[in-house]
C-alpha atoms as a PDB file:
ATOM      1  CA  MET A   1      76.773 -30.882 -29.473  1.00  0.00           C
ATOM      2  CA  LYS A   2      77.866 -33.697 -26.837  1.00  0.00           C
ATOM      3  CA  ASN A   3      80.898 -34.000 -25.334  1.00  0.00           C
ATOM      4  CA  ILE A   4      82.884 -37.185 -26.970  1.00  0.00           C
ATOM      5  CA  LYS A   5      82.668 -39.392 -23.433  1.00  0.00           C
ATOM      6  CA  ASP A   6      79.332 -38.775 -23.727  1.00  0.00           C
ATOM      7  CA  MET A   7      78.635 -40.269 -27.071  1.00  0.00           C
ATOM      8  CA  ILE A   8      77.663 -44.052 -27.962  1.00  0.00           C
ATOM      9  CA  VAL A   9      79.430 -45.665 -30.900  1.00  0.00           C
ATOM     10  CA  VAL A  10      77.950 -49.244 -31.612  1.00  0.00           C
ATOM     11  CA  VAL A  11      80.261 -51.170 -33.717  1.00  0.00           C
ATOM     12  CA  ARG A  12      78.738 -54.521 -35.333  1.00  0.00           C
ATOM     13  CA  GLY A  13      81.397 -56.812 -35.455  1.00  0.00           C
ATOM     14  CA  GLY A  14      84.378 -57.509 -33.375  1.00  0.00           C
ATOM     15  CA  GLY A  15      86.692 -59.551 -35.889  1.00  0.00           C
ATOM     16  CA  ASP A  16      90.302 -58.555 -36.056  1.00  0.00           C
ATOM     17  CA  ILE A  17      89.937 -55.849 -38.432  1.00  0.00           C
ATOM     18  CA  ALA A  18      86.914 -54.610 -36.251  1.00  0.00           C
ATOM     19  CA  THR A  19      89.077 -54.830 -33.203  1.00  0.00           C
ATOM     20  CA  GLY A  20      91.433 -51.812 -35.105  1.00  0.00           C
ATOM     21  CA  SER A  21      88.856 -49.337 -35.224  1.00  0.00           C
ATOM     22  CA  ILE A  22      87.281 -50.407 -31.722  1.00  0.00           C
ATOM     23  CA  GLN A  23      90.531 -49.290 -30.344  1.00  0.00           C
ATOM     24  CA  LYS A  24      90.747 -46.240 -31.952  1.00  0.00           C
ATOM     25  CA  LEU A  25      86.983 -45.089 -30.859  1.00  0.00           C
ATOM     26  CA  TYR A  26      87.734 -46.641 -27.226  1.00  0.00           C
ATOM     27  CA  ARG A  27      91.245 -44.867 -27.033  1.00  0.00           C
ATOM     28  CA  THR A  28      89.539 -41.699 -28.207  1.00  0.00           C
ATOM     29  CA  GLY A  29      86.942 -41.521 -25.404  1.00  0.00           C
ATOM     30  CA  PHE A  30      83.738 -42.923 -26.935  1.00  0.00           C
ATOM     31  CA  LYS A  31      81.626 -45.353 -25.486  1.00  0.00           C
ATOM     32  CA  VAL A  32      81.793 -48.266 -27.251  1.00  0.00           C
ATOM     33  CA  LEU A  33      79.395 -51.226 -27.548  1.00  0.00           C
ATOM     34  CA  ILE A  34      80.528 -54.326 -30.017  1.00  0.00           C
ATOM     35  CA  LEU A  35      77.329 -56.215 -31.040  1.00  0.00           C
ATOM     36  CA  GLU A  36      78.212 -59.736 -32.501  1.00  0.00           C
ATOM     37  CA  ILE A  37      76.625 -62.939 -33.688  1.00  0.00           C
ATOM     38  CA  ASP A  38      76.463 -66.148 -31.640  1.00  0.00           C
ATOM     39  CA  ARG A  39      79.319 -67.998 -33.500  1.00  0.00           C
ATOM     40  CA  PRO A  40      82.055 -65.512 -34.731  1.00  0.00           C
ATOM     41  CA  SER A  41      84.349 -67.306 -36.967  1.00  0.00           C
ATOM     42  CA  ALA A  42      87.909 -65.039 -36.095  1.00  0.00           C
ATOM     43  CA  ILE A  43      91.062 -66.874 -37.633  1.00  0.00           C
ATOM     44  CA  ARG A  44      93.315 -64.019 -35.773  1.00  0.00           C
ATOM     45  CA  ARG A  45      91.561 -64.645 -32.344  1.00  0.00           C
ATOM     46  CA  LYS A  46      94.202 -63.253 -30.146  1.00  0.00           C
ATOM     47  CA  VAL A  47      93.692 -59.889 -31.585  1.00  0.00           C
ATOM     48  CA  ALA A  48      89.895 -60.214 -31.902  1.00  0.00           C
ATOM     49  CA  PHE A  49      87.571 -58.612 -29.001  1.00  0.00           C
ATOM     50  CA  CYS A  50      84.618 -60.913 -30.739  1.00  0.00           C
ATOM     51  CA  GLU A  51      86.485 -64.079 -28.667  1.00  0.00           C
ATOM     52  CA  ALA A  52      84.558 -62.706 -25.348  1.00  0.00           C
ATOM     53  CA  VAL A  53      81.586 -64.416 -27.247  1.00  0.00           C
ATOM     54  CA  TYR A  54      83.092 -67.651 -26.022  1.00  0.00           C
ATOM     55  CA  ASP A  55      85.734 -66.416 -23.078  1.00  0.00           C
ATOM     56  CA  ASN A  56      83.341 -63.801 -21.162  1.00  0.00           C
ATOM     57  CA  VAL A  57      86.450 -61.446 -20.527  1.00  0.00           C
ATOM     58  CA  VAL A  58      89.363 -60.875 -23.482  1.00  0.00           C
ATOM     59  CA  GLU A  59      92.363 -58.321 -23.586  1.00  0.00           C
ATOM     60  CA  VAL A  60      93.506 -57.060 -26.632  1.00  0.00           C
ATOM     61  CA  GLU A  61      96.387 -54.528 -26.211  1.00  0.00           C
ATOM     62  CA  ASN A  62      95.490 -53.803 -22.734  1.00  0.00           C
ATOM     63  CA  ILE A  63      92.008 -53.311 -23.365  1.00  0.00           C
ATOM     64  CA  VAL A  64      89.689 -55.561 -21.249  1.00  0.00           C
ATOM     65  CA  CYS A  65      86.238 -56.424 -23.456  1.00  0.00           C
ATOM     66  CA  ARG A  66      83.522 -58.305 -21.623  1.00  0.00           C
ATOM     67  CA  ARG A  67      80.466 -59.954 -22.886  1.00  0.00           C
ATOM     68  CA  CYS A  68      76.957 -58.548 -20.828  1.00  0.00           C
ATOM     69  CA  SER A  69      73.299 -59.805 -21.351  1.00  0.00           C
ATOM     70  CA  CYS A  70      71.947 -56.697 -20.340  1.00  0.00           C
ATOM     71  CA  MET A  71      71.995 -52.650 -20.144  1.00  0.00           C
ATOM     72  CA  ASP A  72      73.214 -52.563 -16.687  1.00  0.00           C
ATOM     73  CA  GLU A  73      76.295 -54.629 -17.689  1.00  0.00           C
ATOM     74  CA  ILE A  74      76.852 -52.741 -20.507  1.00  0.00           C
ATOM     75  CA  GLU A  75      76.717 -49.608 -18.362  1.00  0.00           C
ATOM     76  CA  LYS A  76      79.045 -51.100 -15.765  1.00  0.00           C
ATOM     77  CA  CYS A  77      81.899 -51.732 -18.320  1.00  0.00           C
ATOM     78  CA  TRP A  78      81.630 -48.135 -19.046  1.00  0.00           C
ATOM     79  CA  ASN A  79      82.030 -47.022 -15.905  1.00  0.00           C
ATOM     80  CA  GLU A  80      84.968 -49.328 -15.498  1.00  0.00           C
ATOM     81  CA  ASN A  81      86.606 -48.157 -18.360  1.00  0.00           C
ATOM     82  CA  GLU A  82      86.319 -51.854 -20.343  1.00  0.00           C
ATOM     83  CA  ILE A  83      84.491 -52.406 -23.541  1.00  0.00           C
ATOM     84  CA  PRO A  84      80.841 -54.134 -23.293  1.00  0.00           C
ATOM     85  CA  LEU A  85      80.024 -56.901 -26.014  1.00  0.00           C
ATOM     86  CA  ALA A  86      76.577 -58.201 -26.665  1.00  0.00           C
ATOM     87  CA  VAL A  87      75.231 -61.113 -28.970  1.00  0.00           C
ATOM     88  CA  ASP A  88      72.990 -59.196 -30.902  1.00  0.00           C
ATOM     89  CA  PRO A  89      72.808 -59.786 -34.825  1.00  0.00           C
ATOM     90  CA  ASP A  90      69.800 -58.199 -35.887  1.00  0.00           C
ATOM     91  CA  GLY A  91      70.882 -54.778 -33.744  1.00  0.00           C
ATOM     92  CA  GLU A  92      68.393 -54.550 -31.174  1.00  0.00           C
ATOM     93  CA  TYR A  93      70.230 -52.762 -29.330  1.00  0.00           C
ATOM     94  CA  ILE A  94      70.649 -50.094 -31.886  1.00  0.00           C
ATOM     95  CA  ASP A  95      66.888 -49.675 -31.957  1.00  0.00           C
ATOM     96  CA  LEU A  96      67.065 -49.496 -27.810  1.00  0.00           C
ATOM     97  CA  MET A  97      69.781 -47.137 -27.414  1.00  0.00           C
ATOM     98  CA  LYS A  98      69.610 -44.972 -30.472  1.00  0.00           C
ATOM     99  CA  PRO A  99      73.357 -44.594 -30.627  1.00  0.00           C
ATOM    100  CA  ASP A 100      75.415 -41.304 -32.146  1.00  0.00           C
ATOM    101  CA  ALA A 101      76.895 -43.770 -35.042  1.00  0.00           C
ATOM    102  CA  VAL A 102      76.971 -46.985 -35.807  1.00  0.00           C
ATOM    103  CA  ILE A 103      79.728 -48.452 -37.512  1.00  0.00           C
ATOM    104  CA  ASP A 104      79.790 -51.558 -39.875  1.00  0.00           C
ATOM    105  CA  ALA A 105      82.836 -53.620 -39.532  1.00  0.00           C
ATOM    106  CA  ILE A 106      81.226 -57.189 -39.966  1.00  0.00           C
ATOM    107  CA  LEU A 107      83.496 -56.998 -43.158  1.00  0.00           C
ATOM    108  CA  ALA A 108      81.113 -60.074 -44.550  1.00  0.00           C
ATOM    109  CA  LYS A 109      81.638 -59.074 -48.262  1.00  0.00           C
ATOM    110  CA  LYS A 110      78.195 -57.774 -48.320  1.00  0.00           C
ATOM    111  CA  ASN A 111      75.916 -55.526 -46.211  1.00  0.00           C
ATOM    112  CA  MET A 112      74.468 -57.638 -43.247  1.00  0.00           C
ATOM    113  CA  GLY A 113      71.640 -55.234 -42.951  1.00  0.00           C
ATOM    114  CA  THR A 114      73.327 -51.900 -41.721  1.00  0.00           C
ATOM    115  CA  LYS A 115      71.004 -48.550 -42.666  1.00  0.00           C
ATOM    116  CA  ILE A 116      71.801 -44.974 -43.000  1.00  0.00           C
ATOM    117  CA  GLU A 117      68.622 -44.488 -41.035  1.00  0.00           C
ATOM    118  CA  MET A 118      70.394 -46.273 -37.820  1.00  0.00           C
ATOM    119  CA  ALA A 119      71.639 -43.177 -36.210  1.00  0.00           C
ATOM    120  CA  PRO A 120      72.956 -39.756 -37.111  1.00  0.00           C
ATOM    121  CA  ILE A 121      76.554 -41.044 -38.153  1.00  0.00           C
ATOM    122  CA  VAL A 122      76.496 -44.796 -40.354  1.00  0.00           C
ATOM    123  CA  ILE A 123      79.652 -46.086 -41.345  1.00  0.00           C
ATOM    124  CA  GLY A 124      80.211 -48.838 -43.391  1.00  0.00           C
ATOM    125  CA  LEU A 125      83.401 -50.991 -43.880  1.00  0.00           C
ATOM    126  CA  GLY A 126      84.218 -52.828 -47.132  1.00  0.00           C
ATOM    127  CA  PRO A 127      82.489 -54.225 -50.015  1.00  0.00           C
ATOM    128  CA  GLY A 128      78.381 -53.745 -49.821  1.00  0.00           C
ATOM    129  CA  PHE A 129      78.432 -50.299 -48.549  1.00  0.00           C
ATOM    130  CA  ASP A 130      77.111 -47.650 -50.951  1.00  0.00           C
ATOM    131  CA  ALA A 131      78.073 -43.967 -49.450  1.00  0.00           C
ATOM    132  CA  GLY A 132      75.000 -41.861 -49.486  1.00  0.00           C
ATOM    133  CA  VAL A 133      72.822 -45.117 -49.893  1.00  0.00           C
ATOM    134  CA  ASN A 134      73.260 -47.473 -47.212  1.00  0.00           C
ATOM    135  CA  CYS A 135      75.965 -45.193 -45.070  1.00  0.00           C
ATOM    136  CA  HIS A 136      76.813 -41.728 -44.785  1.00  0.00           C
ATOM    137  CA  ILE A 137      80.653 -42.944 -45.546  1.00  0.00           C
ATOM    138  CA  ALA A 138      82.655 -45.826 -46.639  1.00  0.00           C
ATOM    139  CA  ILE A 139      85.737 -47.116 -46.194  1.00  0.00           C
ATOM    140  CA  GLU A 140      88.146 -48.904 -48.447  1.00  0.00           C
ATOM    141  CA  THR A 141      89.373 -52.159 -46.685  1.00  0.00           C
ATOM    142  CA  MET A 142      91.516 -53.519 -50.158  1.00  0.00           C
ATOM    143  CA  ARG A 143      95.121 -53.737 -49.439  1.00  0.00           C
ATOM    144  CA  GLY A 144      96.748 -51.209 -52.279  1.00  0.00           C
ATOM    145  CA  HIS A 145      97.173 -47.253 -52.463  1.00  0.00           C
ATOM    146  CA  ASN A 146      93.223 -46.711 -51.812  1.00  0.00           C
ATOM    147  CA  LEU A 147      93.268 -48.763 -48.271  1.00  0.00           C
ATOM    148  CA  GLY A 148      91.537 -46.676 -45.560  1.00  0.00           C
ATOM    149  CA  ARG A 149      89.895 -44.065 -48.073  1.00  0.00           C
ATOM    150  CA  LEU A 150      87.232 -42.391 -46.878  1.00  0.00           C
ATOM    151  CA  ILE A 151      84.304 -42.678 -49.617  1.00  0.00           C
ATOM    152  CA  PHE A 152      81.999 -39.442 -49.555  1.00  0.00           C
ATOM    153  CA  LYS A 153      79.808 -40.884 -52.092  1.00  0.00           C
ATOM    154  CA  GLY A 154      79.438 -44.000 -54.381  1.00  0.00           C
ATOM    155  CA  PRO A 155      80.438 -47.952 -53.350  1.00  0.00           C
ATOM    156  CA  THR A 156      83.825 -49.460 -52.128  1.00  0.00           C
ATOM    157  CA  MET A 157      85.500 -51.711 -54.025  1.00  0.00           C
ATOM    158  CA  LYS A 158      83.949 -55.171 -55.068  1.00  0.00           C
ATOM    159  CA  ASN A 159      85.308 -58.298 -52.855  1.00  0.00           C
ATOM    160  CA  THR A 160      88.300 -59.895 -55.122  1.00  0.00           C
ATOM    161  CA  GLY A 161      88.412 -62.814 -53.077  1.00  0.00           C
ATOM    162  CA  VAL A 162      91.980 -62.838 -53.247  1.00  0.00           C
ATOM    163  CA  PRO A 163      94.312 -62.306 -50.010  1.00  0.00           C
ATOM    164  CA  GLY A 164      96.560 -59.413 -49.775  1.00  0.00           C
ATOM    165  CA  ILE A 165     100.088 -60.321 -50.839  1.00  0.00           C
ATOM    166  CA  ILE A 166     102.935 -61.034 -47.617  1.00  0.00           C
ATOM    167  CA  LYS A 167     106.500 -61.201 -48.901  1.00  0.00           C
ATOM    168  CA  GLY A 168     105.471 -61.991 -52.441  1.00  0.00           C
ATOM    169  CA  ILE A 169     102.831 -64.818 -51.516  1.00  0.00           C
ATOM    170  CA  GLY A 170      99.256 -64.407 -51.575  1.00  0.00           C
ATOM    171  CA  LYS A 171      96.626 -67.071 -51.824  1.00  0.00           C
ATOM    172  CA  GLU A 172      98.765 -69.811 -51.049  1.00  0.00           C
ATOM    173  CA  ARG A 173      98.913 -68.307 -47.135  1.00  0.00           C
ATOM    174  CA  VAL A 174      95.393 -69.035 -46.558  1.00  0.00           C
ATOM    175  CA  ILE A 175      93.801 -72.168 -45.659  1.00  0.00           C
ATOM    176  CA  TYR A 176      90.465 -73.440 -46.311  1.00  0.00           C
ATOM    177  CA  SER A 177      88.551 -76.661 -44.696  1.00  0.00           C
ATOM    178  CA  PRO A 178      88.842 -79.573 -47.154  1.00  0.00           C
ATOM    179  CA  ILE A 179      85.322 -81.159 -46.250  1.00  0.00           C
ATOM    180  CA  ALA A 180      82.515 -79.756 -43.630  1.00  0.00           C
ATOM    181  CA  GLY A 181      82.980 -80.906 -40.085  1.00  0.00           C
ATOM    182  CA  ILE A 182      84.318 -80.146 -36.309  1.00  0.00           C
ATOM    183  CA  ILE A 183      87.992 -79.027 -36.684  1.00  0.00           C
ATOM    184  CA  LYS A 184      90.365 -80.098 -33.861  1.00  0.00           C
ATOM    185  CA  ASN A 185      93.578 -77.974 -33.698  1.00  0.00           C
ATOM    186  CA  ILE A 186      96.783 -79.423 -33.205  1.00  0.00           C
ATOM    187  CA  LYS A 187      98.765 -76.189 -33.995  1.00  0.00           C
ATOM    188  CA  ASP A 188      98.264 -72.880 -31.983  1.00  0.00           C
ATOM    189  CA  ILE A 189      98.416 -69.448 -33.110  1.00  0.00           C
ATOM    190  CA  GLY A 190     101.970 -67.970 -32.927  1.00  0.00           C
ATOM    191  CA  ASP A 191     103.300 -71.349 -33.931  1.00  0.00           C
ATOM    192  CA  ILE A 192     106.519 -71.983 -36.482  1.00  0.00           C
ATOM    193  CA  VAL A 193     104.973 -74.745 -38.922  1.00  0.00           C
ATOM    194  CA  ALA A 194     106.523 -76.444 -42.064  1.00  0.00           C
ATOM    195  CA  LYS A 195     104.629 -76.735 -45.610  1.00  0.00           C
ATOM    196  CA  ASP A 196     102.903 -80.033 -45.410  1.00  0.00           C
ATOM    197  CA  GLU A 197     102.750 -79.899 -41.292  1.00  0.00           C
ATOM    198  CA  VAL A 198      99.507 -80.902 -40.160  1.00  0.00           C
ATOM    199  CA  LEU A 199      98.012 -77.950 -38.367  1.00  0.00           C
ATOM    200  CA  ALA A 200      94.387 -79.693 -37.435  1.00  0.00           C
ATOM    201  CA  THR A 201      91.910 -82.340 -38.697  1.00  0.00           C
ATOM    202  CA  ILE A 202      88.684 -82.193 -39.560  1.00  0.00           C
ATOM    203  CA  ASP A 203      86.368 -85.411 -38.796  1.00  0.00           C
ATOM    204  CA  ASP A 204      89.987 -86.848 -39.276  1.00  0.00           C
ATOM    205  CA  VAL A 205      91.180 -85.287 -42.467  1.00  0.00           C
ATOM    206  CA  PRO A 206      94.243 -83.801 -41.981  1.00  0.00           C
ATOM    207  CA  VAL A 207      94.643 -79.580 -42.819  1.00  0.00           C
ATOM    208  CA  ARG A 208      97.960 -79.540 -43.838  1.00  0.00           C
ATOM    209  CA  ALA A 209     100.283 -75.917 -43.946  1.00  0.00           C
ATOM    210  CA  THR A 210     100.409 -74.689 -47.765  1.00  0.00           C
ATOM    211  CA  ILE A 211     103.693 -72.664 -47.227  1.00  0.00           C
ATOM    212  CA  SER A 212     106.198 -72.516 -43.927  1.00  0.00           C
ATOM    213  CA  GLY A 213     105.986 -69.835 -41.875  1.00  0.00           C
ATOM    214  CA  VAL A 214     104.231 -68.439 -38.671  1.00  0.00           C
ATOM    215  CA  LEU A 215     100.786 -69.730 -38.354  1.00  0.00           C
ATOM    216  CA  ARG A 216      99.061 -66.305 -37.900  1.00  0.00           C
ATOM    217  CA  GLY A 217      95.550 -67.381 -37.198  1.00  0.00           C
ATOM    218  CA  ILE A 218      93.704 -70.487 -36.897  1.00  0.00           C
ATOM    219  CA  ILE A 219      89.692 -70.866 -36.146  1.00  0.00           C
ATOM    220  CA  ARG A 220      88.884 -71.911 -32.591  1.00  0.00           C
ATOM    221  CA  ASP A 221      89.009 -75.611 -31.754  1.00  0.00           C
ATOM    222  CA  GLY A 222      85.942 -77.538 -31.729  1.00  0.00           C
ATOM    223  CA  TYR A 223      84.320 -74.800 -34.798  1.00  0.00           C
ATOM    224  CA  GLU A 224      82.045 -76.068 -37.307  1.00  0.00           C
ATOM    225  CA  VAL A 225      83.009 -75.527 -40.301  1.00  0.00           C
ATOM    226  CA  SER A 226      81.547 -75.825 -43.846  1.00  0.00           C
ATOM    227  CA  GLU A 227      83.322 -76.825 -46.959  1.00  0.00           C
ATOM    228  CA  LYS A 228      85.923 -74.481 -48.145  1.00  0.00           C
ATOM    229  CA  PHE A 229      85.489 -72.271 -45.221  1.00  0.00           C
ATOM    230  CA  LYS A 230      88.833 -70.114 -44.388  1.00  0.00           C
ATOM    231  CA  ILE A 231      90.380 -71.460 -40.861  1.00  0.00           C
ATOM    232  CA  ALA A 232      93.801 -70.731 -41.044  1.00  0.00           C
ATOM    233  CA  ASP A 233      96.578 -68.042 -42.145  1.00  0.00           C
ATOM    234  CA  ILE A 234     100.619 -68.496 -42.018  1.00  0.00           C
ATOM    235  CA  ASP A 235     102.722 -65.456 -42.274  1.00  0.00           C
ATOM    236  CA  PRO A 236     106.026 -66.624 -44.277  1.00  0.00           C
ATOM    237  CA  ARG A 237     107.825 -63.399 -42.135  1.00  0.00           C
ATOM    238  CA  ILE A 238     109.174 -65.873 -39.317  1.00  0.00           C
ATOM    239  CA  GLU A 239     110.831 -62.709 -37.745  1.00  0.00           C
ATOM    240  CA  GLU A 240     107.119 -61.430 -37.366  1.00  0.00           C
ATOM    241  CA  GLN A 241     106.130 -64.232 -34.569  1.00  0.00           C
ATOM    242  CA  GLN A 242     105.042 -61.643 -32.619  1.00  0.00           C
ATOM    243  CA  ASN A 243     102.667 -59.959 -34.852  1.00  0.00           C
ATOM    244  CA  CYS A 244     100.606 -62.613 -34.038  1.00  0.00           C
ATOM    245  CA  TYR A 245      99.612 -60.829 -30.668  1.00  0.00           C
ATOM    246  CA  THR A 246      99.631 -57.277 -31.840  1.00  0.00           C
ATOM    247  CA  ILE A 247      96.693 -55.196 -34.305  1.00  0.00           C
ATOM    248  CA  SER A 248      97.703 -55.401 -37.657  1.00  0.00           C
ATOM    249  CA  ASP A 249      99.088 -52.498 -40.012  1.00  0.00           C
ATOM    250  CA  LYS A 250      95.788 -53.268 -41.811  1.00  0.00           C
ATOM    251  CA  ALA A 251      93.349 -53.354 -39.057  1.00  0.00           C
ATOM    252  CA  ARG A 252      95.296 -49.957 -37.911  1.00  0.00           C
ATOM    253  CA  ALA A 253      94.590 -48.131 -41.148  1.00  0.00           C
ATOM    254  CA  VAL A 254      91.269 -48.937 -41.204  1.00  0.00           C
ATOM    255  CA  GLY A 255      90.792 -47.736 -37.849  1.00  0.00           C
ATOM    256  CA  GLY A 256      92.040 -44.684 -38.191  1.00  0.00           C
ATOM    257  CA  ALA A 257      89.854 -44.074 -41.313  1.00  0.00           C
ATOM    258  CA  THR A 258      87.191 -44.999 -39.143  1.00  0.00           C
ATOM    259  CA  LEU A 259      88.294 -42.655 -36.422  1.00  0.00           C
ATOM    260  CA  GLU A 260      88.521 -40.035 -38.867  1.00  0.00           C
ATOM    261  CA  ALA A 261      85.077 -40.317 -40.754  1.00  0.00           C
ATOM    262  CA  VAL A 262      83.097 -40.380 -37.072  1.00  0.00           C
ATOM    263  CA  LEU A 263      84.929 -36.939 -36.068  1.00  0.00           C
ATOM    264  CA  TYR A 264      84.505 -35.248 -39.599  1.00  0.00           C
ATOM    265  CA  LEU A 265      80.628 -36.428 -39.549  1.00  0.00           C
ATOM    266  CA  ILE A 266      80.606 -35.298 -35.898  1.00  0.00           C
ATOM    267  CA  ASN A 267      81.970 -31.508 -36.729  1.00  0.00           C
ATOM    268  CA  ASN A 268      79.480 -31.594 -40.134  1.00  0.00           C
ATOM    269  CA  LEU A 269      76.651 -32.518 -37.489  1.00  0.00           C
ATOM    270  CA  SER A 270      77.887 -29.288 -35.217  1.00  0.00           C
ATOM    271  CA  LYS A 271      77.814 -26.907 -37.783  1.00  0.00           C
ATOM    272  CA  GLU A 272      74.157 -27.710 -38.977  1.00  0.00           C
END
């Protein structure tokens, strides 16, 4: 069996939940490569490695992620103890690199093309994954008792479309675009906002806060959104302002489950 430090893990998706899994894999010693689309739409941008698509280099909890465009740059990142990210929505690097594991952490509420044949270890996060069919292990991402549960046979729970409850508030804390257009941010992540305060405009149409609290996330300024697109998230707990800049409890729970799944399968494969 390979040493962990020689094992390549490709993670499809670099949003805030994916970042929790990436952090665990990186800290454990795996060579992690993130694959992203050309216009990721993270809301919690301060804790999402996918922002390297736009900024070239980002840092989350003292871990550096750098955008790369070729294998030489990817290797250089690994040698310098950084995480490489490549824009590759079709997963061409998977065919090229033959990784030891593929993690689908896109969380698109459906499977975006990940197949169980992609690698010796394939793990799917959230809705759209069926253990034994399109992945070896599926991980539950729905908040509640089963969050982070490893599923060895069968599907994860279907997407309910209902945000998790924070301080008794659910769907009201998530904000969607009233129209299609280009967003212009007025408030920034971490700002304390009042209900009905203008957070942004979309083609001069105001986007107002639905509740008072901390603006935990807002989509990148200048992003072109469709109507009813998720664009912001408010945390009613003003005392939790600093949480905007650290990986969330949910991301850490899912990340721990992802690492457990990878190590479980490595252990099983070593016995064959």
